[in-house]
């Protein structure tokens, strides 16, 4: 089993400094890979990515957290900086 088999791209901070080995791992498995635990499809192949970008049947949303990721708390007041810091571990791609 590869060291990347259990990695969650959306929450694993170890990928931040150098994500390229992880993407190489995915590309080695398949240029288009279903990530069923998150309900997303990862596209690492160049030709495959171009095909998706040019096909209007696919969403143009490029947010890795999805179009409506939301917040794990109810915003209150004019400055939610402290709330964001307190819940940062629960926010995708924080």
N, C-alpha and C. Protein backbone atom coordinates (compact mmCIF):
# COMPACT_ATOMS: atom_id res chain seq x y z
N UNK A 1 0.84 -1.18 0.00
CA UNK A 1 0.00 0.00 0.00
C UNK A 1 0.88 1.24 0.00
N UNK A 2 0.54 2.21 -0.81
CA UNK A 2 1.29 3.46 -0.90
C UNK A 2 1.02 4.33 0.32
N UNK A 3 1.99 5.19 0.65
CA UNK A 3 1.79 6.12 1.76
C UNK A 3 0.64 7.08 1.49
N UNK A 4 0.22 7.21 0.22
CA UNK A 4 -0.84 8.15 -0.14
C UNK A 4 -2.23 7.53 -0.15
N UNK A 5 -2.35 6.23 0.05
CA UNK A 5 -3.65 5.57 -0.01
C UNK A 5 -4.63 6.12 1.03
N UNK A 6 -4.14 6.51 2.18
CA UNK A 6 -5.03 6.98 3.25
C UNK A 6 -5.06 8.51 3.37
N UNK A 7 -4.40 9.21 2.45
CA UNK A 7 -4.35 10.67 2.51
C UNK A 7 -5.67 11.27 2.03
N UNK A 8 -6.20 12.23 2.80
CA UNK A 8 -7.38 12.99 2.39
C UNK A 8 -6.90 14.35 1.89
N UNK A 9 -6.96 14.55 0.59
CA UNK A 9 -6.47 15.78 -0.02
C UNK A 9 -7.08 17.02 0.61
N UNK A 10 -8.33 16.92 1.03
CA UNK A 10 -9.05 18.08 1.54
C UNK A 10 -8.66 18.48 2.96
N UNK A 11 -8.04 17.58 3.71
CA UNK A 11 -7.75 17.89 5.11
C UNK A 11 -6.31 17.63 5.54
N UNK A 12 -5.53 16.92 4.75
CA UNK A 12 -4.17 16.55 5.16
C UNK A 12 -3.18 17.68 4.91
N UNK A 13 -2.78 18.34 5.98
CA UNK A 13 -1.87 19.49 5.88
C UNK A 13 -0.48 19.11 5.41
N UNK A 14 -0.12 17.82 5.46
CA UNK A 14 1.22 17.42 5.03
C UNK A 14 1.41 17.61 3.52
N UNK A 15 0.33 17.76 2.78
CA UNK A 15 0.43 17.97 1.33
C UNK A 15 0.74 19.42 0.95
N UNK A 16 0.55 20.33 1.86
CA UNK A 16 0.69 21.75 1.54
C UNK A 16 2.09 22.12 1.04
N UNK A 17 3.15 21.72 1.71
CA UNK A 17 4.48 22.14 1.24
C UNK A 17 4.85 21.58 -0.14
N UNK A 18 4.43 20.34 -0.42
CA UNK A 18 4.80 19.72 -1.69
C UNK A 18 3.73 18.69 -2.10
N UNK A 19 2.69 19.12 -2.82
CA UNK A 19 1.61 18.20 -3.20
C UNK A 19 1.94 17.34 -4.42
N UNK A 20 3.04 17.62 -5.10
CA UNK A 20 3.32 16.96 -6.38
C UNK A 20 3.51 15.44 -6.29
N UNK A 21 4.18 14.91 -5.26
CA UNK A 21 4.25 13.44 -5.16
C UNK A 21 2.87 12.79 -5.03
N UNK A 22 1.96 13.47 -4.33
CA UNK A 22 0.60 12.95 -4.21
C UNK A 22 -0.09 12.91 -5.58
N UNK A 23 0.05 14.00 -6.35
CA UNK A 23 -0.55 14.04 -7.68
C UNK A 23 0.10 13.01 -8.61
N UNK A 24 1.41 12.80 -8.47
CA UNK A 24 2.09 11.76 -9.25
C UNK A 24 1.51 10.39 -8.92
N UNK A 25 1.25 10.16 -7.64
CA UNK A 25 0.64 8.90 -7.20
C UNK A 25 -0.73 8.71 -7.86
N UNK A 26 -1.56 9.74 -7.81
CA UNK A 26 -2.90 9.64 -8.42
C UNK A 26 -2.79 9.41 -9.93
N UNK A 27 -1.91 10.16 -10.58
CA UNK A 27 -1.73 10.02 -12.02
C UNK A 27 -1.26 8.62 -12.38
N UNK A 28 -0.43 8.03 -11.55
CA UNK A 28 0.04 6.67 -11.76
C UNK A 28 -1.06 5.63 -11.65
N UNK A 29 -2.07 5.94 -10.85
CA UNK A 29 -3.21 5.02 -10.73
C UNK A 29 -4.13 5.13 -11.93
N UNK A 30 -4.44 6.38 -12.34
CA UNK A 30 -5.36 6.59 -13.45
C UNK A 30 -5.45 8.09 -13.70
N UNK A 31 -5.52 8.55 -14.95
CA UNK A 31 -5.61 9.99 -15.20
C UNK A 31 -6.96 10.59 -14.79
N UNK A 32 -7.97 9.75 -14.62
CA UNK A 32 -9.28 10.19 -14.13
C UNK A 32 -9.68 9.20 -13.04
N UNK A 33 -9.76 9.70 -11.80
CA UNK A 33 -9.94 8.81 -10.66
C UNK A 33 -11.11 9.27 -9.80
N UNK A 34 -12.06 8.39 -9.57
CA UNK A 34 -13.20 8.70 -8.70
C UNK A 34 -12.74 8.64 -7.26
N UNK A 35 -13.00 9.69 -6.52
CA UNK A 35 -12.71 9.74 -5.09
C UNK A 35 -14.05 9.64 -4.37
N UNK A 36 -14.60 8.46 -4.32
CA UNK A 36 -15.97 8.25 -3.88
C UNK A 36 -16.24 8.72 -2.46
N UNK A 37 -15.24 8.70 -1.58
CA UNK A 37 -15.49 9.13 -0.21
C UNK A 37 -15.89 10.61 -0.13
N UNK A 38 -15.51 11.39 -1.12
CA UNK A 38 -15.87 12.81 -1.17
C UNK A 38 -16.86 13.12 -2.30
N UNK A 39 -17.11 12.14 -3.15
CA UNK A 39 -18.02 12.36 -4.26
C UNK A 39 -17.44 13.25 -5.34
N UNK A 40 -16.13 13.24 -5.50
CA UNK A 40 -15.47 14.04 -6.52
C UNK A 40 -14.67 13.15 -7.46
N UNK A 41 -14.32 13.70 -8.58
CA UNK A 41 -13.46 13.00 -9.54
C UNK A 41 -12.18 13.83 -9.67
N UNK A 42 -11.04 13.16 -9.50
CA UNK A 42 -9.75 13.82 -9.62
C UNK A 42 -9.22 13.57 -11.03
N UNK A 43 -8.89 14.65 -11.72
CA UNK A 43 -8.37 14.53 -13.09
C UNK A 43 -6.93 15.02 -13.08
N UNK A 44 -6.00 14.10 -13.36
CA UNK A 44 -4.58 14.44 -13.35
C UNK A 44 -3.96 14.37 -14.74
N UNK A 45 -4.66 13.81 -15.70
CA UNK A 45 -4.14 13.73 -17.06
C UNK A 45 -4.40 15.02 -17.83
N UNK A 46 -3.42 15.47 -18.58
CA UNK A 46 -3.53 16.72 -19.33
C UNK A 46 -4.64 16.67 -20.37
N UNK A 47 -4.64 15.65 -21.20
CA UNK A 47 -5.65 15.53 -22.25
C UNK A 47 -7.05 15.37 -21.64
N UNK A 48 -7.14 14.62 -20.55
CA UNK A 48 -8.42 14.43 -19.89
C UNK A 48 -8.94 15.74 -19.30
N UNK A 49 -8.05 16.52 -18.72
CA UNK A 49 -8.45 17.81 -18.16
C UNK A 49 -8.93 18.75 -19.27
N UNK A 50 -8.23 18.77 -20.39
CA UNK A 50 -8.66 19.62 -21.51
C UNK A 50 -10.05 19.20 -22.01
N UNK A 51 -10.29 17.91 -22.08
CA UNK A 51 -11.59 17.42 -22.53
C UNK A 51 -12.70 17.89 -21.60
N UNK A 52 -12.46 17.85 -20.30
CA UNK A 52 -13.47 18.28 -19.33
C UNK A 52 -13.68 19.80 -19.42
N UNK A 53 -12.59 20.56 -19.49
CA UNK A 53 -12.72 22.01 -19.57
C UNK A 53 -13.52 22.46 -20.78
N UNK A 54 -13.43 21.73 -21.87
CA UNK A 54 -14.10 22.11 -23.12
C UNK A 54 -15.53 21.57 -23.21
N UNK A 55 -15.93 20.70 -22.31
CA UNK A 55 -17.25 20.08 -22.36
C UNK A 55 -18.22 20.85 -21.46
N UNK A 56 -19.24 21.49 -22.04
CA UNK A 56 -20.17 22.29 -21.24
C UNK A 56 -21.04 21.45 -20.29
N UNK A 57 -21.01 20.13 -20.42
CA UNK A 57 -21.79 19.27 -19.53
C UNK A 57 -21.21 19.25 -18.12
N UNK A 58 -19.94 19.66 -17.98
CA UNK A 58 -19.30 19.65 -16.67
C UNK A 58 -19.40 21.03 -16.04
N UNK A 59 -19.40 21.05 -14.72
CA UNK A 59 -19.47 22.29 -13.96
C UNK A 59 -18.19 23.10 -14.14
N UNK A 60 -18.31 24.40 -14.09
CA UNK A 60 -17.14 25.26 -14.16
C UNK A 60 -16.63 25.61 -12.76
N UNK A 61 -17.23 25.02 -11.74
CA UNK A 61 -16.79 25.25 -10.37
C UNK A 61 -15.41 24.62 -10.19
N UNK A 62 -14.45 25.42 -9.81
CA UNK A 62 -13.10 24.90 -9.61
C UNK A 62 -12.67 24.95 -8.14
N UNK A 63 -13.61 25.15 -7.26
CA UNK A 63 -13.31 25.17 -5.84
C UNK A 63 -13.08 23.75 -5.33
N UNK A 64 -11.95 23.52 -4.67
CA UNK A 64 -11.67 22.18 -4.17
C UNK A 64 -12.57 21.80 -3.01
N UNK A 65 -13.20 22.78 -2.39
CA UNK A 65 -14.09 22.50 -1.26
C UNK A 65 -15.55 22.42 -1.71
N UNK A 66 -15.80 22.56 -2.99
CA UNK A 66 -17.17 22.50 -3.49
C UNK A 66 -17.78 23.89 -3.56
N UNK A 67 -18.89 24.02 -4.23
CA UNK A 67 -19.47 25.35 -4.41
C UNK A 67 -20.08 25.94 -3.14
N UNK A 68 -20.47 25.09 -2.18
CA UNK A 68 -21.13 25.58 -0.97
C UNK A 68 -20.57 24.88 0.25
N UNK A 69 -19.30 25.09 0.54
CA UNK A 69 -18.68 24.36 1.65
C UNK A 69 -19.20 24.81 3.01
N UNK A 70 -19.62 26.05 3.13
CA UNK A 70 -20.19 26.53 4.39
C UNK A 70 -19.17 26.69 5.49
N UNK A 71 -19.67 27.05 6.66
CA UNK A 71 -18.83 27.22 7.84
C UNK A 71 -19.34 26.28 8.93
N UNK A 72 -18.45 25.76 9.77
CA UNK A 72 -18.88 24.86 10.84
C UNK A 72 -19.39 25.61 12.08
N UNK A 73 -19.75 26.86 11.91
CA UNK A 73 -20.28 27.67 13.01
C UNK A 73 -21.20 28.73 12.41
N UNK A 74 -21.98 29.35 13.26
CA UNK A 74 -22.88 30.43 12.83
C UNK A 74 -22.13 31.76 12.99
N UNK A 75 -21.88 32.48 11.88
CA UNK A 75 -21.16 33.75 11.99
C UNK A 75 -21.94 34.76 12.83
N UNK A 76 -21.23 35.43 13.72
CA UNK A 76 -21.85 36.46 14.55
C UNK A 76 -20.94 37.68 14.60
N UNK A 77 -21.51 38.85 14.43
CA UNK A 77 -20.75 40.09 14.54
C UNK A 77 -20.04 40.46 13.25
N UNK A 78 -19.26 41.55 13.34
CA UNK A 78 -18.56 42.09 12.18
C UNK A 78 -17.23 41.40 11.89
N UNK A 79 -16.63 40.78 12.90
CA UNK A 79 -15.32 40.15 12.74
C UNK A 79 -15.41 38.70 13.20
N UNK A 80 -15.26 37.77 12.26
CA UNK A 80 -15.36 36.35 12.62
C UNK A 80 -13.97 35.68 12.65
N UNK A 81 -12.93 36.50 12.69
CA UNK A 81 -11.56 35.98 12.70
C UNK A 81 -11.30 34.98 13.82
N UNK A 82 -11.76 35.29 15.05
CA UNK A 82 -11.54 34.38 16.17
C UNK A 82 -12.31 33.07 15.98
N UNK A 83 -13.52 33.16 15.41
CA UNK A 83 -14.31 31.95 15.15
C UNK A 83 -13.64 31.08 14.09
N UNK A 84 -13.09 31.72 13.07
CA UNK A 84 -12.38 30.97 12.03
C UNK A 84 -11.18 30.24 12.63
N UNK A 85 -10.41 30.93 13.45
CA UNK A 85 -9.25 30.30 14.07
C UNK A 85 -9.66 29.15 14.97
N UNK A 86 -10.74 29.30 15.71
CA UNK A 86 -11.19 28.25 16.63
C UNK A 86 -11.69 27.00 15.89
N UNK A 87 -12.18 27.17 14.66
CA UNK A 87 -12.75 26.06 13.89
C UNK A 87 -11.94 25.70 12.65
N UNK A 88 -10.74 26.24 12.54
CA UNK A 88 -9.93 26.05 11.33
C UNK A 88 -9.77 24.58 10.94
N UNK A 89 -9.60 23.70 11.88
CA UNK A 89 -9.39 22.28 11.57
C UNK A 89 -10.62 21.63 10.93
N UNK A 90 -11.77 22.28 11.06
CA UNK A 90 -13.01 21.74 10.50
C UNK A 90 -13.35 22.34 9.13
N UNK A 91 -12.58 23.32 8.68
CA UNK A 91 -12.87 24.02 7.43
C UNK A 91 -12.03 23.39 6.32
N UNK A 92 -12.67 22.89 5.25
CA UNK A 92 -11.91 22.26 4.15
C UNK A 92 -10.89 23.22 3.54
N UNK A 93 -9.68 22.70 3.30
CA UNK A 93 -8.59 23.44 2.66
C UNK A 93 -8.22 24.72 3.40
N UNK A 94 -8.35 24.69 4.73
CA UNK A 94 -8.05 25.89 5.52
C UNK A 94 -6.56 26.06 5.71
